[in-house]
């Protein structure tokens, strides 16, 4: 993500790294519905293991940035 901020948006590397370290950048992925192969009949796989893994990874990233209300 840091490299993307630097190359695509011209951010200096250190501030880009700080934003990521503090989880102030939300990664977005276009096309997780296209990550799994279709079934033999050409329909989407309802199990979609790759797409589900992507969603879990994005959720874990975001949840790590959420303060613990008990602390």
PDB file of N, CA and C in Angstrom:
ATOM      1  N   UNK A   1       0.827  -1.193   0.000  1.00  0.00           N
ATOM      2  CA  UNK A   1       0.000   0.000   0.000  1.00  0.00           C
ATOM      3  C   UNK A   1       0.868   1.252   0.000  1.00  0.00           C
ATOM      4  N   UNK A   2       1.961   1.183   0.736  1.00  0.00           N
ATOM      5  CA  UNK A   2       2.840   2.353   0.777  1.00  0.00           C
ATOM      6  C   UNK A   2       3.337   2.693  -0.628  1.00  0.00           C
ATOM      7  N   UNK A   3       3.785   1.706  -1.340  1.00  0.00           N
ATOM      8  CA  UNK A   3       4.296   1.934  -2.688  1.00  0.00           C
ATOM      9  C   UNK A   3       3.214   2.539  -3.582  1.00  0.00           C
ATOM     10  N   UNK A   4       1.996   2.088  -3.433  1.00  0.00           N
ATOM     11  CA  UNK A   4       0.888   2.629  -4.229  1.00  0.00           C
ATOM     12  C   UNK A   4       0.653   4.103  -3.901  1.00  0.00           C
ATOM     13  N   UNK A   5       0.682   4.462  -2.625  1.00  0.00           N
ATOM     14  CA  UNK A   5       0.501   5.862  -2.239  1.00  0.00           C
ATOM     15  C   UNK A   5       1.617   6.733  -2.801  1.00  0.00           C
ATOM     16  N   UNK A   6       2.830   6.206  -2.765  1.00  0.00           N
ATOM     17  CA  UNK A   6       3.978   6.969  -3.258  1.00  0.00           C
ATOM     18  C   UNK A   6       3.910   7.118  -4.775  1.00  0.00           C
ATOM     19  N   UNK A   7       3.709   6.011  -5.480  1.00  0.00           N
ATOM     20  CA  UNK A   7       3.753   6.047  -6.941  1.00  0.00           C
ATOM     21  C   UNK A   7       2.518   6.696  -7.570  1.00  0.00           C
ATOM     22  N   UNK A   8       1.345   6.354  -7.081  1.00  0.00           N
ATOM     23  CA  UNK A   8       0.121   6.831  -7.730  1.00  0.00           C
ATOM     24  C   UNK A   8      -0.287   8.230  -7.285  1.00  0.00           C
ATOM     25  N   UNK A   9       0.032   8.574  -6.033  1.00  0.00           N
ATOM     26  CA  UNK A   9      -0.465   9.834  -5.497  1.00  0.00           C
ATOM     27  C   UNK A   9       0.631  10.814  -5.123  1.00  0.00           C
ATOM     28  N   UNK A  10       1.894  10.398  -5.290  1.00  0.00           N
ATOM     29  CA  UNK A  10       3.004  11.301  -5.023  1.00  0.00           C
ATOM     30  C   UNK A  10       3.248  11.582  -3.550  1.00  0.00           C
ATOM     31  N   UNK A  11       2.776  10.692  -2.675  1.00  0.00           N
ATOM     32  CA  UNK A  11       3.019  10.890  -1.248  1.00  0.00           C
ATOM     33  C   UNK A  11       4.482  10.604  -0.930  1.00  0.00           C
ATOM     34  N   UNK A  12       5.080  11.350  -0.016  1.00  0.00           N
ATOM     35  CA  UNK A  12       6.412  10.977   0.463  1.00  0.00           C
ATOM     36  C   UNK A  12       6.327   9.641   1.207  1.00  0.00           C
ATOM     37  N   UNK A  13       7.380   8.850   1.150  1.00  0.00           N
ATOM     38  CA  UNK A  13       7.349   7.493   1.700  1.00  0.00           C
ATOM     39  C   UNK A  13       7.070   7.455   3.202  1.00  0.00           C
ATOM     40  N   UNK A  14       7.710   8.324   3.982  1.00  0.00           N
ATOM     41  CA  UNK A  14       7.529   8.260   5.441  1.00  0.00           C
ATOM     42  C   UNK A  14       6.103   8.602   5.869  1.00  0.00           C
ATOM     43  N   UNK A  15       5.504   9.691   5.390  1.00  0.00           N
ATOM     44  CA  UNK A  15       4.112   9.948   5.764  1.00  0.00           C
ATOM     45  C   UNK A  15       3.159   8.848   5.277  1.00  0.00           C
ATOM     46  N   UNK A  16       3.436   8.282   4.111  1.00  0.00           N
ATOM     47  CA  UNK A  16       2.593   7.186   3.620  1.00  0.00           C
ATOM     48  C   UNK A  16       2.686   5.995   4.569  1.00  0.00           C
ATOM     49  N   UNK A  17       3.890   5.675   5.012  1.00  0.00           N
ATOM     50  CA  UNK A  17       4.077   4.572   5.949  1.00  0.00           C
ATOM     51  C   UNK A  17       3.365   4.845   7.269  1.00  0.00           C
ATOM     52  N   UNK A  18       3.416   6.089   7.742  1.00  0.00           N
ATOM     53  CA  UNK A  18       2.721   6.447   8.986  1.00  0.00           C
ATOM     54  C   UNK A  18       1.216   6.256   8.860  1.00  0.00           C
ATOM     55  N   UNK A  19       0.652   6.674   7.746  1.00  0.00           N
ATOM     56  CA  UNK A  19      -0.787   6.501   7.533  1.00  0.00           C
ATOM     57  C   UNK A  19      -1.167   5.026   7.578  1.00  0.00           C
ATOM     58  N   UNK A  20      -0.356   4.212   6.954  1.00  0.00           N
ATOM     59  CA  UNK A  20      -0.642   2.780   6.931  1.00  0.00           C
ATOM     60  C   UNK A  20      -0.450   2.171   8.311  1.00  0.00           C
ATOM     61  N   UNK A  21       0.628   2.532   8.975  1.00  0.00           N
ATOM     62  CA  UNK A  21       0.909   1.994  10.314  1.00  0.00           C
ATOM     63  C   UNK A  21      -0.231   2.305  11.282  1.00  0.00           C
ATOM     64  N   UNK A  22      -0.818   3.485  11.148  1.00  0.00           N
ATOM     65  CA  UNK A  22      -1.918   3.881  12.026  1.00  0.00           C
ATOM     66  C   UNK A  22      -3.285   3.472  11.472  1.00  0.00           C
ATOM     67  N   UNK A  23      -3.235   2.700  10.384  1.00  0.00           N
ATOM     68  CA  UNK A  23      -4.427   2.141   9.762  1.00  0.00           C
ATOM     69  C   UNK A  23      -5.439   3.220   9.369  1.00  0.00           C
ATOM     70  N   UNK A  24      -4.890   4.277   8.784  1.00  0.00           N
ATOM     71  CA  UNK A  24      -5.737   5.369   8.313  1.00  0.00           C
ATOM     72  C   UNK A  24      -5.985   5.284   6.809  1.00  0.00           C
ATOM     73  N   UNK A  25      -5.465   4.221   6.203  1.00  0.00           N
ATOM     74  CA  UNK A  25      -5.706   3.969   4.786  1.00  0.00           C
ATOM     75  C   UNK A  25      -6.523   2.688   4.699  1.00  0.00           C
ATOM     76  N   UNK A  26      -7.653   2.780   4.054  1.00  0.00           N
ATOM     77  CA  UNK A  26      -8.506   1.611   3.894  1.00  0.00           C
ATOM     78  C   UNK A  26      -8.246   1.003   2.525  1.00  0.00           C
ATOM     79  N   UNK A  27      -7.706  -0.217   2.494  1.00  0.00           N
ATOM     80  CA  UNK A  27      -7.479  -0.836   1.192  1.00  0.00           C
ATOM     81  C   UNK A  27      -8.808  -1.197   0.540  1.00  0.00           C
ATOM     82  N   UNK A  28      -8.856  -1.033  -0.744  1.00  0.00           N
ATOM     83  CA  UNK A  28     -10.046  -1.403  -1.520  1.00  0.00           C
ATOM     84  C   UNK A  28      -9.603  -2.296  -2.660  1.00  0.00           C
ATOM     85  N   UNK A  29     -10.389  -3.273  -2.954  1.00  0.00           N
ATOM     86  CA  UNK A  29     -10.052  -4.213  -4.004  1.00  0.00           C
ATOM     87  C   UNK A  29     -11.235  -4.314  -4.949  1.00  0.00           C
ATOM     88  N   UNK A  30     -10.968  -4.041  -6.207  1.00  0.00           N
ATOM     89  CA  UNK A  30     -11.996  -4.173  -7.225  1.00  0.00           C
ATOM     90  C   UNK A  30     -11.968  -5.595  -7.760  1.00  0.00           C
ATOM     91  N   UNK A  31     -13.091  -6.257  -7.748  1.00  0.00           N
ATOM     92  CA  UNK A  31     -13.209  -7.550  -8.399  1.00  0.00           C
ATOM     93  C   UNK A  31     -13.036  -8.788  -7.558  1.00  0.00           C
ATOM     94  N   UNK A  32     -13.260  -8.764  -6.227  1.00  0.00           N
ATOM     95  CA  UNK A  32     -13.127 -10.028  -5.494  1.00  0.00           C
ATOM     96  C   UNK A  32     -14.115 -11.083  -5.991  1.00  0.00           C
ATOM     97  N   UNK A  33     -15.211 -10.615  -6.591  1.00  0.00           N
ATOM     98  CA  UNK A  33     -16.182 -11.568  -7.135  1.00  0.00           C
ATOM     99  C   UNK A  33     -15.642 -12.281  -8.371  1.00  0.00           C
ATOM    100  N   UNK A  34     -14.515 -11.807  -8.885  1.00  0.00           N
ATOM    101  CA  UNK A  34     -13.911 -12.415 -10.068  1.00  0.00           C
ATOM    102  C   UNK A  34     -12.672 -13.246  -9.726  1.00  0.00           C
ATOM    103  N   UNK A  35     -12.393 -13.442  -8.438  1.00  0.00           N
ATOM    104  CA  UNK A  35     -11.177 -14.152  -8.042  1.00  0.00           C
ATOM    105  C   UNK A  35     -11.332 -15.662  -8.091  1.00  0.00           C
ATOM    106  N   UNK A  36     -12.552 -16.150  -7.981  1.00  0.00           N
ATOM    107  CA  UNK A  36     -12.787 -17.593  -7.976  1.00  0.00           C
ATOM    108  C   UNK A  36     -13.203 -18.068  -9.364  1.00  0.00           C
ATOM    109  N   UNK A  37     -12.747 -19.249  -9.752  1.00  0.00           N
ATOM    110  CA  UNK A  37     -13.192 -19.782 -11.037  1.00  0.00           C
ATOM    111  C   UNK A  37     -14.693 -20.084 -10.992  1.00  0.00           C
ATOM    112  N   UNK A  38     -15.303 -20.031 -12.138  1.00  0.00           N
ATOM    113  CA  UNK A  38     -16.736 -20.361 -12.205  1.00  0.00           C
ATOM    114  C   UNK A  38     -16.915 -21.872 -12.157  1.00  0.00           C
ATOM    115  N   UNK A  39     -18.125 -22.268 -11.899  1.00  0.00           N
ATOM    116  CA  UNK A  39     -18.469 -23.689 -11.928  1.00  0.00           C
ATOM    117  C   UNK A  39     -18.452 -24.166 -13.381  1.00  0.00           C
ATOM    118  N   UNK A  40     -18.435 -25.479 -13.586  1.00  0.00           N
ATOM    119  CA  UNK A  40     -18.402 -25.991 -14.962  1.00  0.00           C
ATOM    120  C   UNK A  40     -19.511 -25.454 -15.866  1.00  0.00           C
ATOM    121  N   UNK A  41     -20.655 -25.100 -15.274  1.00  0.00           N
ATOM    122  CA  UNK A  41     -21.750 -24.570 -16.105  1.00  0.00           C
ATOM    123  C   UNK A  41     -21.625 -23.059 -16.338  1.00  0.00           C
ATOM    124  N   UNK A  42     -20.523 -22.444 -15.835  1.00  0.00           N
ATOM    125  CA  UNK A  42     -20.281 -21.024 -16.064  1.00  0.00           C
ATOM    126  C   UNK A  42     -20.851 -20.096 -15.014  1.00  0.00           C
ATOM    127  N   UNK A  43     -21.551 -20.632 -14.030  1.00  0.00           N
ATOM    128  CA  UNK A  43     -22.122 -19.788 -12.975  1.00  0.00           C
ATOM    129  C   UNK A  43     -21.086 -19.565 -11.875  1.00  0.00           C
ATOM    130  N   UNK A  44     -21.246 -18.482 -11.102  1.00  0.00           N
ATOM    131  CA  UNK A  44     -20.306 -18.229 -10.000  1.00  0.00           C
ATOM    132  C   UNK A  44     -20.375 -19.336  -8.947  1.00  0.00           C
ATOM    133  N   UNK A  45     -19.247 -19.618  -8.343  1.00  0.00           N
ATOM    134  CA  UNK A  45     -19.185 -20.601  -7.254  1.00  0.00           C
ATOM    135  C   UNK A  45     -19.754 -19.963  -5.999  1.00  0.00           C
ATOM    136  N   UNK A  46     -20.862 -20.475  -5.471  1.00  0.00           N
ATOM    137  CA  UNK A  46     -21.436 -19.850  -4.273  1.00  0.00           C
ATOM    138  C   UNK A  46     -20.527 -19.957  -3.048  1.00  0.00           C
ATOM    139  N   UNK A  47     -19.611 -20.903  -3.029  1.00  0.00           N
ATOM    140  CA  UNK A  47     -18.692 -21.021  -1.895  1.00  0.00           C
ATOM    141  C   UNK A  47     -17.634 -19.919  -1.954  1.00  0.00           C
ATOM    142  N   UNK A  48     -17.190 -19.551  -3.148  1.00  0.00           N
ATOM    143  CA  UNK A  48     -16.254 -18.443  -3.401  1.00  0.00           C
ATOM    144  C   UNK A  48     -15.144 -18.335  -2.360  1.00  0.00           C
ATOM    145  N   UNK A  49     -14.301 -19.351  -2.197  1.00  0.00           N
ATOM    146  CA  UNK A  49     -13.296 -19.310  -1.126  1.00  0.00           C
ATOM    147  C   UNK A  49     -12.290 -18.171  -1.246  1.00  0.00           C
ATOM    148  N   UNK A  50     -11.880 -17.836  -2.436  1.00  0.00           N
ATOM    149  CA  UNK A  50     -10.908 -16.744  -2.578  1.00  0.00           C
ATOM    150  C   UNK A  50     -11.539 -15.401  -2.240  1.00  0.00           C
ATOM    151  N   UNK A  51     -12.735 -15.166  -2.742  1.00  0.00           N
ATOM    152  CA  UNK A  51     -13.416 -13.905  -2.450  1.00  0.00           C
ATOM    153  C   UNK A  51     -13.698 -13.777  -0.959  1.00  0.00           C
ATOM    154  N   UNK A  52     -14.094 -14.862  -0.347  1.00  0.00           N
ATOM    155  CA  UNK A  52     -14.356 -14.844   1.101  1.00  0.00           C
ATOM    156  C   UNK A  52     -13.064 -14.556   1.862  1.00  0.00           C
ATOM    157  N   UNK A  53     -11.952 -15.136   1.437  1.00  0.00           N
ATOM    158  CA  UNK A  53     -10.667 -14.877   2.097  1.00  0.00           C
ATOM    159  C   UNK A  53     -10.287 -13.406   1.980  1.00  0.00           C
ATOM    160  N   UNK A  54     -10.557 -12.797   0.817  1.00  0.00           N
ATOM    161  CA  UNK A  54     -10.268 -11.374   0.627  1.00  0.00           C
ATOM    162  C   UNK A  54     -11.093 -10.533   1.590  1.00  0.00           C
ATOM    163  N   UNK A  55     -12.363 -10.825   1.697  1.00  0.00           N
ATOM    164  CA  UNK A  55     -13.241 -10.070   2.597  1.00  0.00           C
ATOM    165  C   UNK A  55     -12.782 -10.229   4.045  1.00  0.00           C
ATOM    166  N   UNK A  56     -12.409 -11.439   4.435  1.00  0.00           N
ATOM    167  CA  UNK A  56     -11.911 -11.657   5.802  1.00  0.00           C
ATOM    168  C   UNK A  56     -10.618 -10.868   6.055  1.00  0.00           C
ATOM    169  N   UNK A  57      -9.727 -10.838   5.079  1.00  0.00           N
ATOM    170  CA  UNK A  57      -8.472 -10.089   5.244  1.00  0.00           C
ATOM    171  C   UNK A  57      -8.737  -8.592   5.372  1.00  0.00           C
ATOM    172  N   UNK A  58      -9.646  -8.061   4.551  1.00  0.00           N
ATOM    173  CA  UNK A  58      -9.983  -6.638   4.650  1.00  0.00           C
ATOM    174  C   UNK A  58     -10.646  -6.324   5.985  1.00  0.00           C
ATOM    175  N   UNK A  59     -11.522  -7.210   6.435  1.00  0.00           N
ATOM    176  CA  UNK A  59     -12.171  -7.003   7.732  1.00  0.00           C
ATOM    177  C   UNK A  59     -11.156  -7.060   8.869  1.00  0.00           C
ATOM    178  N   UNK A  60     -10.225  -7.991   8.806  1.00  0.00           N
ATOM    179  CA  UNK A  60      -9.207  -8.106   9.855  1.00  0.00           C
ATOM    180  C   UNK A  60      -8.336  -6.859   9.901  1.00  0.00           C
ATOM    181  N   UNK A  61      -7.990  -6.341   8.727  1.00  0.00           N
ATOM    182  CA  UNK A  61      -7.199  -5.113   8.667  1.00  0.00           C
ATOM    183  C   UNK A  61      -7.958  -3.973   9.347  1.00  0.00           C
ATOM    184  N   UNK A  62      -9.206  -3.834   9.025  1.00  0.00           N
ATOM    185  CA  UNK A  62     -10.004  -2.735   9.583  1.00  0.00           C
ATOM    186  C   UNK A  62     -10.246  -2.933  11.074  1.00  0.00           C
ATOM    187  N   UNK A  63     -10.535  -4.153  11.495  1.00  0.00           N
ATOM    188  CA  UNK A  63     -10.813  -4.415  12.909  1.00  0.00           C
ATOM    189  C   UNK A  63      -9.580  -4.172  13.772  1.00  0.00           C
ATOM    190  N   UNK A  64      -8.415  -4.378  13.209  1.00  0.00           N
ATOM    191  CA  UNK A  64      -7.183  -4.110  13.966  1.00  0.00           C
ATOM    192  C   UNK A  64      -7.031  -2.624  14.269  1.00  0.00           C
ATOM    193  N   UNK A  65      -7.704  -1.788  13.512  1.00  0.00           N
ATOM    194  CA  UNK A  65      -7.630  -0.342  13.722  1.00  0.00           C
ATOM    195  C   UNK A  65      -8.691   0.152  14.700  1.00  0.00           C
ATOM    196  N   UNK A  66      -9.632  -0.691  15.051  1.00  0.00           N
ATOM    197  CA  UNK A  66     -10.716  -0.297  15.945  1.00  0.00           C
ATOM    198  C   UNK A  66     -10.249  -0.400  17.392  1.00  0.00           C
ATOM    199  N   UNK A  67     -10.330   0.690  18.132  1.00  0.00           N
ATOM    200  CA  UNK A  67      -9.906   0.649  19.529  1.00  0.00           C
ATOM    201  C   UNK A  67     -10.733  -0.352  20.341  1.00  0.00           C
ATOM    202  N   UNK A  68     -10.102  -0.992  21.282  1.00  0.00           N
ATOM    203  CA  UNK A  68     -10.782  -1.922  22.174  1.00  0.00           C
ATOM    204  C   UNK A  68     -11.580  -1.116  23.192  1.00  0.00           C
ATOM    205  N   UNK A  69     -12.919  -1.269  23.210  1.00  0.00           N
ATOM    206  CA  UNK A  69     -13.731  -0.469  24.131  1.00  0.00           C
ATOM    207  C   UNK A  69     -13.475  -0.791  25.596  1.00  0.00           C
ATOM    208  N   UNK A  70     -12.867  -1.944  25.879  1.00  0.00           N
ATOM    209  CA  UNK A  70     -12.613  -2.311  27.287  1.00  0.00           C
ATOM    210  C   UNK A  70     -11.333  -1.693  27.826  1.00  0.00           C
ATOM    211  N   UNK A  71     -10.545  -1.047  26.942  1.00  0.00           N
ATOM    212  CA  UNK A  71      -9.284  -0.473  27.431  1.00  0.00           C
ATOM    213  C   UNK A  71      -9.412   1.004  27.701  1.00  0.00           C
TER     214      UNK A  71
END
